[in-house]
Amino acid sequence: MSGPPLGRPKTLSKEEKKQALESERVRNSIEGKFGQAKRRFSLNRVMAKLPHTSKTAIAITFLVMNLSTYLSRVFCAFLYLFFKNRPFFELGINKNYNMQFINN
């Protein structure tokens, strides 16, 4: 990863701009994940006294985040497989509405 060049602003080549943009995208995704950990999984409330206890709490937080992501993917796959061969309510609402509209 690269950061912005230090010193006076100078003209950058297209390759350097492209690399800086890619690095910024990577940093944004990483910082977004840390923000999610702080907001949703209480990573900002780690108040352990010993360093190894803090590391353990942080590791458990990220383990829970990974398990949450895995569980949501499994649930989506289950719903896809469950409803793949079952039409939702057999589209009875549309059939009844069309029949009433035609009869009137």
N, C-alpha and C. Protein backbone atom coordinates (compact mmCIF):
# COMPACT_ATOMS: atom_id res chain seq x y z
N MET A 1 0.84 -1.18 0.00
CA MET A 1 0.00 0.00 0.00
C MET A 1 0.88 1.23 0.00
N SER A 2 0.41 2.23 -0.65
CA SER A 2 1.15 3.47 -0.72
C SER A 2 0.29 4.59 -0.16
N GLY A 3 0.92 5.61 0.29
CA GLY A 3 0.21 6.77 0.79
C GLY A 3 0.44 7.95 -0.12
N PRO A 4 -0.12 9.09 0.24
CA PRO A 4 0.13 10.27 -0.58
C PRO A 4 1.59 10.68 -0.46
N PRO A 5 2.17 11.17 -1.53
CA PRO A 5 3.58 11.55 -1.47
C PRO A 5 3.78 12.75 -0.54
N LEU A 6 4.88 12.72 0.20
CA LEU A 6 5.19 13.81 1.12
C LEU A 6 5.85 14.96 0.38
N GLY A 7 5.81 16.13 0.98
CA GLY A 7 6.46 17.28 0.38
C GLY A 7 5.50 18.09 -0.46
N ARG A 8 6.08 18.89 -1.33
CA ARG A 8 5.27 19.73 -2.21
C ARG A 8 4.46 18.88 -3.18
N PRO A 9 3.27 19.34 -3.51
CA PRO A 9 2.50 18.61 -4.51
C PRO A 9 3.19 18.69 -5.87
N LYS A 10 3.28 17.58 -6.53
CA LYS A 10 3.89 17.54 -7.85
C LYS A 10 3.01 16.71 -8.77
N THR A 11 3.26 16.82 -10.02
CA THR A 11 2.45 16.05 -10.97
C THR A 11 2.84 14.58 -10.87
N LEU A 12 1.83 13.75 -10.82
CA LEU A 12 2.04 12.30 -10.72
C LEU A 12 1.73 11.66 -12.06
N SER A 13 2.41 10.56 -12.32
CA SER A 13 2.13 9.82 -13.55
C SER A 13 0.81 9.07 -13.39
N LYS A 14 0.28 8.57 -14.49
CA LYS A 14 -0.98 7.84 -14.45
C LYS A 14 -0.86 6.57 -13.61
N GLU A 15 0.29 5.92 -13.67
CA GLU A 15 0.48 4.69 -12.89
C GLU A 15 0.49 4.99 -11.39
N GLU A 16 1.14 6.10 -11.00
CA GLU A 16 1.16 6.46 -9.59
C GLU A 16 -0.22 6.86 -9.09
N LYS A 17 -1.00 7.58 -9.91
CA LYS A 17 -2.36 7.94 -9.54
C LYS A 17 -3.24 6.69 -9.41
N LYS A 18 -3.05 5.76 -10.32
CA LYS A 18 -3.83 4.53 -10.29
C LYS A 18 -3.51 3.72 -9.03
N GLN A 19 -2.22 3.64 -8.68
CA GLN A 19 -1.82 2.91 -7.48
C GLN A 19 -2.33 3.61 -6.23
N ALA A 20 -2.29 4.94 -6.19
CA ALA A 20 -2.80 5.69 -5.04
C ALA A 20 -4.30 5.48 -4.88
N LEU A 21 -5.04 5.47 -5.99
CA LEU A 21 -6.48 5.25 -5.94
C LEU A 21 -6.80 3.84 -5.44
N GLU A 22 -6.06 2.85 -5.92
CA GLU A 22 -6.28 1.46 -5.47
C GLU A 22 -5.97 1.33 -3.99
N SER A 23 -4.89 1.96 -3.54
CA SER A 23 -4.54 1.91 -2.11
C SER A 23 -5.61 2.58 -1.26
N GLU A 24 -6.17 3.67 -1.76
CA GLU A 24 -7.23 4.35 -1.02
C GLU A 24 -8.47 3.48 -0.91
N ARG A 25 -8.79 2.76 -1.96
CA ARG A 25 -9.94 1.85 -1.92
C ARG A 25 -9.74 0.75 -0.89
N VAL A 26 -8.53 0.20 -0.83
CA VAL A 26 -8.24 -0.85 0.14
C VAL A 26 -8.34 -0.30 1.55
N ARG A 27 -7.76 0.89 1.78
CA ARG A 27 -7.82 1.50 3.11
C ARG A 27 -9.25 1.79 3.51
N ASN A 28 -10.08 2.27 2.58
CA ASN A 28 -11.48 2.56 2.91
C ASN A 28 -12.23 1.31 3.33
N SER A 29 -12.00 0.21 2.64
CA SER A 29 -12.71 -1.02 3.01
C SER A 29 -12.26 -1.52 4.38
N ILE A 30 -10.97 -1.40 4.67
CA ILE A 30 -10.46 -1.84 5.97
C ILE A 30 -11.01 -0.94 7.08
N GLU A 31 -10.96 0.37 6.87
CA GLU A 31 -11.47 1.29 7.88
C GLU A 31 -12.97 1.13 8.07
N GLY A 32 -13.68 0.82 7.01
CA GLY A 32 -15.12 0.56 7.13
C GLY A 32 -15.41 -0.65 7.99
N LYS A 33 -14.59 -1.68 7.84
CA LYS A 33 -14.78 -2.89 8.65
C LYS A 33 -14.49 -2.61 10.12
N PHE A 34 -13.46 -1.79 10.39
CA PHE A 34 -13.19 -1.41 11.78
C PHE A 34 -14.32 -0.55 12.34
N GLY A 35 -14.89 0.33 11.53
CA GLY A 35 -16.03 1.13 11.97
C GLY A 35 -17.23 0.27 12.29
N GLN A 36 -17.47 -0.75 11.48
CA GLN A 36 -18.56 -1.68 11.75
C GLN A 36 -18.30 -2.42 13.05
N ALA A 37 -17.06 -2.82 13.28
CA ALA A 37 -16.72 -3.53 14.52
C ALA A 37 -16.94 -2.63 15.73
N LYS A 38 -16.65 -1.35 15.60
CA LYS A 38 -16.85 -0.44 16.72
C LYS A 38 -18.32 -0.18 16.98
N ARG A 39 -19.10 0.04 15.90
CA ARG A 39 -20.50 0.37 16.07
C ARG A 39 -21.35 -0.83 16.46
N ARG A 40 -21.19 -1.91 15.72
CA ARG A 40 -22.12 -3.03 15.85
C ARG A 40 -21.65 -4.10 16.83
N PHE A 41 -20.35 -4.27 16.96
CA PHE A 41 -19.83 -5.35 17.78
C PHE A 41 -19.06 -4.86 19.00
N SER A 42 -19.21 -3.60 19.36
CA SER A 42 -18.66 -2.99 20.58
C SER A 42 -17.15 -3.14 20.70
N LEU A 43 -16.45 -2.97 19.62
CA LEU A 43 -14.99 -3.03 19.68
C LEU A 43 -14.44 -1.81 20.42
N ASN A 44 -15.19 -0.70 20.43
CA ASN A 44 -14.72 0.49 21.13
C ASN A 44 -14.85 0.38 22.64
N ARG A 45 -15.46 -0.67 23.15
CA ARG A 45 -15.65 -0.84 24.59
C ARG A 45 -14.70 -1.85 25.21
N VAL A 46 -13.62 -2.17 24.55
CA VAL A 46 -12.64 -3.11 25.10
C VAL A 46 -11.88 -2.39 26.20
N MET A 47 -12.06 -2.84 27.46
CA MET A 47 -11.43 -2.18 28.60
C MET A 47 -10.64 -3.18 29.43
N ALA A 48 -9.96 -4.07 28.77
CA ALA A 48 -9.16 -5.05 29.51
C ALA A 48 -7.89 -4.38 30.02
N LYS A 49 -7.40 -4.86 31.15
CA LYS A 49 -6.24 -4.24 31.77
C LYS A 49 -4.92 -4.76 31.20
N LEU A 50 -4.86 -6.04 30.89
CA LEU A 50 -3.62 -6.62 30.40
C LEU A 50 -3.61 -6.63 28.87
N PRO A 51 -2.43 -6.50 28.27
CA PRO A 51 -2.36 -6.46 26.80
C PRO A 51 -2.85 -7.74 26.14
N HIS A 52 -2.50 -8.89 26.69
CA HIS A 52 -2.94 -10.13 26.03
C HIS A 52 -4.44 -10.33 26.20
N THR A 53 -5.03 -9.79 27.26
CA THR A 53 -6.48 -9.88 27.42
C THR A 53 -7.17 -8.99 26.39
N SER A 54 -6.62 -7.82 26.14
CA SER A 54 -7.18 -6.93 25.11
C SER A 54 -7.09 -7.59 23.73
N LYS A 55 -5.95 -8.21 23.45
CA LYS A 55 -5.79 -8.89 22.15
C LYS A 55 -6.81 -10.02 22.01
N THR A 56 -7.05 -10.72 23.11
CA THR A 56 -8.03 -11.81 23.06
C THR A 56 -9.43 -11.28 22.81
N ALA A 57 -9.79 -10.18 23.47
CA ALA A 57 -11.12 -9.59 23.26
C ALA A 57 -11.29 -9.11 21.83
N ILE A 58 -10.25 -8.51 21.28
CA ILE A 58 -10.31 -8.03 19.89
C ILE A 58 -10.41 -9.21 18.93
N ALA A 59 -9.66 -10.27 19.19
CA ALA A 59 -9.71 -11.46 18.33
C ALA A 59 -11.09 -12.11 18.38
N ILE A 60 -11.68 -12.16 19.56
CA ILE A 60 -13.02 -12.74 19.68
C ILE A 60 -14.05 -11.88 18.95
N THR A 61 -13.88 -10.56 19.00
CA THR A 61 -14.79 -9.67 18.28
C THR A 61 -14.74 -9.94 16.78
N PHE A 62 -13.53 -10.07 16.23
CA PHE A 62 -13.43 -10.34 14.80
C PHE A 62 -13.88 -11.75 14.45
N LEU A 63 -13.71 -12.70 15.36
CA LEU A 63 -14.25 -14.03 15.14
C LEU A 63 -15.77 -13.98 15.05
N VAL A 64 -16.40 -13.23 15.94
CA VAL A 64 -17.85 -13.10 15.91
C VAL A 64 -18.31 -12.41 14.63
N MET A 65 -17.55 -11.40 14.17
CA MET A 65 -17.89 -10.74 12.91
C MET A 65 -17.84 -11.72 11.74
N ASN A 66 -16.81 -12.55 11.70
CA ASN A 66 -16.69 -13.53 10.62
C ASN A 66 -17.80 -14.57 10.71
N LEU A 67 -18.14 -15.01 11.91
CA LEU A 67 -19.23 -15.98 12.06
C LEU A 67 -20.57 -15.37 11.65
N SER A 68 -20.76 -14.10 11.95
CA SER A 68 -21.99 -13.42 11.55
C SER A 68 -22.12 -13.36 10.03
N THR A 69 -21.03 -13.04 9.37
CA THR A 69 -21.04 -13.00 7.90
C THR A 69 -21.31 -14.39 7.33
N TYR A 70 -20.66 -15.40 7.90
CA TYR A 70 -20.85 -16.77 7.42
C TYR A 70 -22.29 -17.22 7.64
N LEU A 71 -22.86 -16.90 8.80
CA LEU A 71 -24.23 -17.30 9.10
C LEU A 71 -25.22 -16.62 8.16
N SER A 72 -25.01 -15.35 7.84
CA SER A 72 -25.93 -14.69 6.91
C SER A 72 -25.83 -15.30 5.52
N ARG A 73 -24.64 -15.69 5.09
CA ARG A 73 -24.50 -16.34 3.78
C ARG A 73 -25.17 -17.70 3.76
N VAL A 74 -25.02 -18.46 4.84
CA VAL A 74 -25.67 -19.77 4.92
C VAL A 74 -27.18 -19.60 4.91
N PHE A 75 -27.68 -18.60 5.64
CA PHE A 75 -29.12 -18.36 5.69
C PHE A 75 -29.66 -17.97 4.32
N CYS A 76 -28.93 -17.11 3.60
CA CYS A 76 -29.37 -16.73 2.25
C CYS A 76 -29.36 -17.93 1.30
N ALA A 77 -28.36 -18.79 1.43
CA ALA A 77 -28.31 -20.00 0.60
C ALA A 77 -29.47 -20.93 0.94
N PHE A 78 -29.80 -21.05 2.23
CA PHE A 78 -30.93 -21.88 2.64
C PHE A 78 -32.23 -21.33 2.06
N LEU A 79 -32.44 -20.02 2.16
CA LEU A 79 -33.66 -19.44 1.62
C LEU A 79 -33.74 -19.63 0.11
N TYR A 80 -32.61 -19.50 -0.57
CA TYR A 80 -32.60 -19.70 -2.01
C TYR A 80 -32.99 -21.13 -2.35
N LEU A 81 -32.39 -22.09 -1.66
CA LEU A 81 -32.70 -23.49 -1.95
C LEU A 81 -34.12 -23.85 -1.53
N PHE A 82 -34.62 -23.24 -0.46
CA PHE A 82 -35.96 -23.55 0.02
C PHE A 82 -37.03 -23.03 -0.93
N PHE A 83 -36.85 -21.81 -1.42
CA PHE A 83 -37.86 -21.22 -2.28
C PHE A 83 -37.59 -21.42 -3.76
N LYS A 84 -36.55 -22.16 -4.10
CA LYS A 84 -36.22 -22.35 -5.51
C LYS A 84 -37.33 -23.07 -6.26
N ASN A 85 -37.89 -24.11 -5.68
CA ASN A 85 -38.91 -24.91 -6.35
C ASN A 85 -40.31 -24.65 -5.82
N ARG A 86 -40.46 -23.66 -4.93
CA ARG A 86 -41.77 -23.36 -4.36
C ARG A 86 -42.15 -21.92 -4.72
N PRO A 87 -43.11 -21.75 -5.61
CA PRO A 87 -43.54 -20.38 -5.90
C PRO A 87 -44.20 -19.78 -4.66
N PHE A 88 -43.97 -18.54 -4.45
CA PHE A 88 -44.46 -17.87 -3.25
C PHE A 88 -45.95 -17.61 -3.39
N PHE A 89 -46.77 -18.29 -2.61
CA PHE A 89 -48.22 -18.19 -2.59
C PHE A 89 -48.86 -18.54 -3.93
N GLU A 90 -48.12 -19.21 -4.78
CA GLU A 90 -48.64 -19.65 -6.08
C GLU A 90 -49.21 -18.50 -6.91
N LEU A 91 -48.79 -17.30 -6.61
CA LEU A 91 -49.27 -16.11 -7.31
C LEU A 91 -50.79 -16.03 -7.32
N GLY A 92 -51.43 -16.51 -6.24
CA GLY A 92 -52.89 -16.50 -6.14
C GLY A 92 -53.49 -15.13 -6.09
N ILE A 93 -52.76 -14.19 -5.59
CA ILE A 93 -53.29 -12.83 -5.49
C ILE A 93 -53.54 -12.27 -6.88
N ASN A 94 -52.58 -12.44 -7.77
CA ASN A 94 -52.75 -11.92 -9.13
C ASN A 94 -53.85 -12.64 -9.88
N LYS A 95 -53.97 -13.95 -9.71
CA LYS A 95 -55.02 -14.70 -10.41
C LYS A 95 -56.40 -14.25 -9.94
N ASN A 96 -56.58 -14.11 -8.63
CA ASN A 96 -57.88 -13.69 -8.12
C ASN A 96 -58.21 -12.28 -8.56
N TYR A 97 -57.24 -11.40 -8.57
CA TYR A 97 -57.48 -10.03 -8.99
C TYR A 97 -57.87 -9.98 -10.46
N ASN A 98 -57.18 -10.74 -11.29
CA ASN A 98 -57.49 -10.76 -12.72
C ASN A 98 -58.88 -11.32 -12.97
N MET A 99 -59.26 -12.36 -12.24
CA MET A 99 -60.59 -12.95 -12.44
C MET A 99 -61.68 -11.96 -12.03
N GLN A 100 -61.49 -11.24 -10.94
CA GLN A 100 -62.48 -10.27 -10.53
C GLN A 100 -62.58 -9.13 -11.53
N PHE A 101 -61.45 -8.72 -12.06
CA PHE A 101 -61.43 -7.62 -13.02
C PHE A 101 -62.15 -8.01 -14.31
N ILE A 102 -61.95 -9.26 -14.73
CA ILE A 102 -62.58 -9.74 -15.97
C ILE A 102 -64.07 -9.90 -15.77
N ASN A 103 -64.53 -10.42 -14.62
CA ASN A 103 -65.94 -10.63 -14.37
C ASN A 103 -66.71 -9.32 -14.27
N ASN A 104 -66.09 -8.28 -13.77
CA ASN A 104 -66.80 -7.00 -13.64
C ASN A 104 -66.71 -6.29 -14.95
